[in-house]
């Protein structure tokens, strides 16, 4: 065997050895590489899901998943992660349950303390059911919600009120109002979910048959079928918020929470009323 052949054989053996070594190193690191990739993918899904949740879900379920009393249940909640699947008889995973509910919505609430009563308790969000979201977007929302599981036992709830709650006396004098702040409250307290996003409650904007909420408030309390005690537009709106069942508009169910007198301050009420009287035409 000549020297050239020997050199070629040696180089071949060296190349095979190097290749084998590289493959072994890559194989040994593949599991950790895949774990890092999966973590990166999950982190990205959570980030996207957080944005989608804030835009589409937070009005009803709260920005931190704390829910709105009487309106929508909490999702950032130990009971949701530990008991919900058993309560509804779901045999799949928690994430798939969330995807299913978000996709198709709920015709009525499965919990008596939240609204339903034959009207959509939650609209369908999947584009397959007439909603605005793609499958991957709904899956990202579910991934974001699942991110709360590890800390779901920690109380979040409503922040402490800066002053006493406004109560139910609609005749009290309210402070000077800030309608821009009222708009923020209408979003954070879940009001827009029923009065703008869905027809669960009377529309705040003008419709083909009704003027906007501000104009309606100025005359509703004067109508013969009115069953409340308001004598001004401001009192009518005040009453509608803290005593929603004292006068229920025909065609709508009495599903609005009766807790706003305990979770809103006098300033909150003034700001909300000013917003309703001025923002809609």
Protein backbone atom coordinates (compact mmCIF):
# COMPACT_ATOMS: atom_id res chain seq x y z
CA UNK A 1 0.00 0.00 0.00
CA UNK A 2 1.53 3.27 -1.05
CA UNK A 3 1.89 6.28 1.17
CA UNK A 4 -0.90 8.24 -0.57
CA UNK A 5 -3.46 5.51 0.11
CA UNK A 6 -2.37 5.32 3.75
CA UNK A 7 -2.80 9.07 4.12
CA UNK A 8 -6.27 8.96 2.55
CA UNK A 9 -7.32 6.14 4.89
CA UNK A 10 -5.98 8.02 7.90
CA UNK A 11 -7.80 11.21 6.87
CA UNK A 12 -10.98 9.23 6.31
CA UNK A 13 -10.76 7.64 9.74
CA UNK A 14 -10.06 11.07 11.26
CA UNK A 15 -13.04 12.62 9.45
CA UNK A 16 -15.34 9.80 10.59
CA UNK A 17 -14.09 10.17 14.15
CA UNK A 18 -14.63 13.93 14.13
CA UNK A 19 -18.11 13.52 12.63
CA UNK A 20 -19.03 10.87 15.19
CA UNK A 21 -17.77 13.08 18.00
CA UNK A 22 -19.82 16.02 16.74
CA UNK A 23 -22.93 13.84 16.46
CA UNK A 24 -22.44 12.55 19.99
CA UNK A 25 -22.01 16.10 21.37
CA UNK A 26 -25.08 17.32 19.47
CA UNK A 27 -27.09 14.33 20.66
CA UNK A 28 -26.08 14.87 24.27
CA UNK A 29 -27.15 18.54 24.04
CA UNK A 30 -30.31 17.99 21.99
CA UNK A 31 -32.59 17.50 24.97
CA UNK A 32 -31.49 20.71 26.66
CA UNK A 33 -31.63 22.56 23.34
CA UNK A 34 -35.21 21.40 22.79
CA UNK A 35 -36.11 22.43 26.34
CA UNK A 36 -34.71 25.91 25.70
CA UNK A 37 -36.60 26.09 22.41
CA UNK A 38 -39.84 25.00 24.08
CA UNK A 39 -39.37 27.60 26.83
CA UNK A 40 -38.75 30.31 24.27
CA UNK A 41 -41.85 29.30 22.32
CA UNK A 42 -43.94 29.25 25.50
CA UNK A 43 -42.64 32.66 26.57
CA UNK A 44 -43.52 34.11 23.17
CA UNK A 45 -47.02 32.56 23.32
CA UNK A 46 -47.56 34.04 26.80
CA UNK A 47 -46.49 37.49 25.61
CA UNK A 48 -48.81 37.37 22.59
CA UNK A 49 -51.61 35.90 24.71
CA UNK A 50 -51.24 38.68 27.28
CA UNK A 51 -51.84 41.33 24.62
CA UNK A 52 -54.81 39.46 23.15
CA UNK A 53 -56.29 38.91 26.62
CA UNK A 54 -56.04 42.60 27.48
CA UNK A 55 -57.76 43.60 24.23
CA UNK A 56 -60.47 40.95 24.13
CA UNK A 57 -60.99 39.49 27.61
CA UNK A 58 -59.99 41.95 30.33
CA UNK A 59 -63.19 44.02 30.16
CA UNK A 60 -65.09 41.07 31.65
CA UNK A 61 -62.47 38.99 33.42
CA UNK A 62 -60.22 41.82 34.66
CA UNK A 63 -56.69 42.67 33.55
CA UNK A 64 -55.27 40.31 36.15
CA UNK A 65 -57.93 37.65 35.69
CA UNK A 66 -59.64 38.65 38.93
CA UNK A 67 -63.11 38.67 37.35
CA UNK A 68 -65.97 41.13 37.90
CA UNK A 69 -68.45 40.25 40.68
CA UNK A 70 -71.81 39.20 39.25
CA UNK A 71 -70.58 39.56 35.68
CA UNK A 72 -67.70 37.20 34.91
CA UNK A 73 -65.81 34.70 37.09
CA UNK A 74 -62.12 34.94 37.97
CA UNK A 75 -59.61 32.93 35.95
CA UNK A 76 -56.55 33.73 38.05
CA UNK A 77 -58.11 31.64 40.77
CA UNK A 78 -57.19 28.46 42.65
CA UNK A 79 -60.70 27.04 42.29
CA UNK A 80 -60.55 27.49 38.52
CA UNK A 81 -57.40 25.40 38.23
CA UNK A 82 -58.22 22.79 40.88
CA UNK A 83 -61.97 22.22 40.55
CA UNK A 84 -63.34 23.64 37.30
CA UNK A 85 -62.75 20.59 35.11
CA UNK A 86 -64.50 18.34 37.64
CA UNK A 87 -67.40 20.78 38.01
CA UNK A 88 -68.15 20.72 34.29
CA UNK A 89 -67.18 17.09 33.67
CA UNK A 90 -64.31 17.92 31.30
CA UNK A 91 -61.99 14.95 30.71
CA UNK A 92 -59.31 16.74 28.68
CA UNK A 93 -56.59 19.16 29.74
CA UNK A 94 -57.15 22.52 31.40
CA UNK A 95 -55.65 24.35 28.43
CA UNK A 96 -57.90 22.54 25.96
CA UNK A 97 -60.91 23.41 28.14
CA UNK A 98 -59.99 27.09 27.96
CA UNK A 99 -59.54 26.87 24.19
CA UNK A 100 -62.95 25.21 23.84
CA UNK A 101 -64.82 27.79 25.93
CA UNK A 102 -63.11 30.78 24.31
CA UNK A 103 -63.71 29.37 20.84
CA UNK A 104 -67.41 28.60 21.08
CA UNK A 105 -68.49 30.77 24.01
CA UNK A 106 -71.33 29.97 26.38
CA UNK A 107 -75.06 30.42 25.74
CA UNK A 108 -75.75 30.55 29.50
CA UNK A 109 -73.56 30.69 32.55
CA UNK A 110 -72.85 27.43 34.38
CA UNK A 111 -72.59 29.33 37.65
CA UNK A 112 -75.74 30.87 39.23
CA UNK A 113 -73.84 33.86 40.61
CA UNK A 114 -72.96 35.06 37.11
CA UNK A 115 -75.29 36.18 34.35
CA UNK A 116 -76.74 33.97 31.65
CA UNK A 117 -80.50 33.27 31.77
CA UNK A 118 -80.88 32.42 28.10
CA UNK A 119 -78.72 35.22 26.72
CA UNK A 120 -75.08 34.82 25.65
CA UNK A 121 -73.06 34.60 28.85
CA UNK A 122 -69.91 34.71 26.72
CA UNK A 123 -69.70 35.31 22.97
CA UNK A 124 -67.86 32.94 20.65
CA UNK A 125 -64.39 34.27 19.82
CA UNK A 126 -63.27 31.78 17.17
CA UNK A 127 -63.57 32.80 13.54
CA UNK A 128 -65.11 29.35 12.98
CA UNK A 129 -68.12 30.50 15.03
CA UNK A 130 -68.32 34.06 13.74
CA UNK A 131 -65.78 35.53 16.16
CA UNK A 132 -62.67 37.62 15.41
CA UNK A 133 -59.83 35.32 16.53
CA UNK A 134 -57.76 32.65 14.77
CA UNK A 135 -57.03 29.27 16.34
CA UNK A 136 -53.42 30.22 17.14
CA UNK A 137 -54.55 33.43 18.86
CA UNK A 138 -57.01 31.54 21.04
CA UNK A 139 -54.29 29.02 21.90
CA UNK A 140 -52.00 31.92 22.91
CA UNK A 141 -54.72 33.31 25.19
CA UNK A 142 -55.08 29.87 26.79
CA UNK A 143 -51.31 29.66 27.30
CA UNK A 144 -51.35 33.08 28.96
CA UNK A 145 -54.18 32.03 31.31
CA UNK A 146 -52.36 28.79 32.16
CA UNK A 147 -49.38 30.93 33.17
CA UNK A 148 -51.41 31.97 36.26
CA UNK A 149 -51.66 28.42 37.58
CA UNK A 150 -48.46 28.53 39.66
CA UNK A 151 -49.58 31.62 41.62
CA UNK A 152 -53.36 31.24 41.45
CA UNK A 153 -53.62 30.77 45.22
CA UNK A 154 -52.42 34.31 45.83
CA UNK A 155 -55.25 36.79 46.40
CA UNK A 156 -55.47 39.64 43.89
CA UNK A 157 -59.07 40.87 44.10
CA UNK A 158 -60.17 44.48 43.85
CA UNK A 159 -57.72 47.15 45.03
CA UNK A 160 -58.66 48.89 48.26
CA UNK A 161 -60.93 51.88 47.71
CA UNK A 162 -59.27 55.26 48.39
CA UNK A 163 -62.45 56.41 50.21
CA UNK A 164 -65.81 55.10 51.34
CA UNK A 165 -67.98 53.32 48.75
CA UNK A 166 -70.70 55.44 47.15
CA UNK A 167 -73.59 53.29 48.40
CA UNK A 168 -77.14 53.36 46.98
CA UNK A 169 -78.46 56.81 47.93
CA UNK A 170 -78.93 58.40 44.52
CA UNK A 171 -79.79 61.82 46.01
CA UNK A 172 -76.31 62.54 47.43
CA UNK A 173 -74.26 65.37 45.94
CA UNK A 174 -71.38 64.02 43.88
CA UNK A 175 -68.00 65.75 43.40
CA UNK A 176 -66.87 67.51 40.24
CA UNK A 177 -66.53 64.94 37.49
CA UNK A 178 -63.84 63.88 35.02
CA UNK A 179 -65.48 62.12 32.04
CA UNK A 180 -62.13 60.89 30.68
CA UNK A 181 -61.53 59.01 33.92
CA UNK A 182 -65.09 57.73 33.68
CA UNK A 183 -64.26 56.12 30.34
CA UNK A 184 -61.38 54.26 31.96
CA UNK A 185 -63.67 53.04 34.73
CA UNK A 186 -66.26 51.85 32.19
CA UNK A 187 -63.56 49.66 30.68
CA UNK A 188 -61.95 48.41 33.89
CA UNK A 189 -65.26 47.55 35.54
CA UNK A 190 -66.50 45.49 32.59
CA UNK A 191 -69.34 47.85 31.60
CA UNK A 192 -68.38 48.04 27.92
CA UNK A 193 -68.61 44.26 27.58
CA UNK A 194 -72.40 44.37 27.95
CA UNK A 195 -73.27 47.86 26.69
CA UNK A 196 -70.88 48.26 23.74
CA UNK A 197 -69.18 44.98 22.78
CA UNK A 198 -72.32 42.81 23.08
CA UNK A 199 -76.08 43.49 23.29
CA UNK A 200 -76.38 41.95 26.76
CA UNK A 201 -77.47 45.32 28.16
CA UNK A 202 -79.04 48.40 26.55
CA UNK A 203 -76.63 49.99 24.07
CA UNK A 204 -74.96 53.20 25.19
CA UNK A 205 -74.73 54.49 21.65
CA UNK A 206 -77.67 55.53 19.52
CA UNK A 207 -79.59 52.79 17.72
CA UNK A 208 -82.20 52.79 14.99
CA UNK A 209 -84.97 53.04 17.58
CA UNK A 210 -83.33 54.81 20.54
CA UNK A 211 -81.10 57.85 21.12
CA UNK A 212 -77.82 57.51 22.98
CA UNK A 213 -77.70 56.88 26.73
CA UNK A 214 -77.35 60.56 27.68
CA UNK A 215 -80.51 61.57 25.82
CA UNK A 216 -82.40 58.53 27.13
CA UNK A 217 -81.41 59.33 30.70
CA UNK A 218 -82.96 62.80 30.39
CA UNK A 219 -86.42 61.38 29.66
CA UNK A 220 -86.56 57.77 30.85
CA UNK A 221 -87.43 58.63 34.44
CA UNK A 222 -90.44 60.63 33.18
CA UNK A 223 -92.02 57.74 31.31
CA UNK A 224 -95.18 56.09 32.60
CA UNK A 225 -93.63 52.63 32.97
CA UNK A 226 -90.63 53.87 34.97
CA UNK A 227 -90.41 52.09 38.35
CA UNK A 228 -87.47 53.88 39.97
CA UNK A 229 -87.17 57.04 42.07
CA UNK A 230 -84.86 59.29 40.02
CA UNK A 231 -85.90 62.85 39.18
CA UNK A 232 -82.88 63.89 37.08
CA UNK A 233 -80.78 62.31 34.34
CA UNK A 234 -77.82 62.07 36.74
CA UNK A 235 -79.93 60.28 39.35
CA UNK A 236 -81.34 57.93 36.73
CA UNK A 237 -77.83 56.85 35.69
CA UNK A 238 -76.71 56.64 39.33
CA UNK A 239 -79.71 54.40 40.05
CA UNK A 240 -79.10 52.26 36.97
CA UNK A 241 -75.58 51.53 38.19
CA UNK A 242 -76.13 50.80 41.89
CA UNK A 243 -79.77 49.59 41.78
CA UNK A 244 -79.96 48.05 38.29
CA UNK A 245 -83.02 45.91 38.98
CA UNK A 246 -85.26 48.69 40.24
CA UNK A 247 -86.14 49.48 36.62
CA UNK A 248 -85.24 46.91 33.95
CA UNK A 249 -85.60 48.02 30.33
CA UNK A 250 -88.09 45.92 28.34
CA UNK A 251 -86.36 43.21 26.31
CA UNK A 252 -83.42 42.80 28.70
CA UNK A 253 -82.88 40.40 31.57
CA UNK A 254 -82.02 41.60 35.12
CA UNK A 255 -78.43 40.38 34.95
CA UNK A 256 -76.40 43.47 35.89
CA UNK A 257 -74.45 43.05 39.16
CA UNK A 258 -75.86 44.89 42.18
CA UNK A 259 -72.44 45.35 43.76
CA UNK A 260 -71.26 48.61 42.21
CA UNK A 261 -72.42 50.65 45.19
CA UNK A 262 -69.83 48.76 47.25
CA UNK A 263 -66.91 48.86 44.78
CA UNK A 264 -67.19 52.42 43.42
CA UNK A 265 -66.45 55.68 45.25
CA UNK A 266 -68.39 58.94 44.95
CA UNK A 267 -65.69 60.21 42.59
CA UNK A 268 -65.98 57.06 40.50
CA UNK A 269 -69.73 57.51 40.22
CA UNK A 270 -69.44 61.18 39.27
CA UNK A 271 -66.89 60.36 36.57
CA UNK A 272 -68.93 57.48 35.14
CA UNK A 273 -72.11 59.56 34.96
CA UNK A 274 -70.27 62.44 33.27
CA UNK A 275 -68.84 60.02 30.71
CA UNK A 276 -72.26 58.51 29.94
CA UNK A 277 -73.87 61.91 29.56
CA UNK A 278 -71.25 63.33 27.20
CA UNK A 279 -69.52 60.55 25.26
CA UNK A 280 -72.32 59.09 23.17
CA UNK A 281 -74.38 60.56 20.36
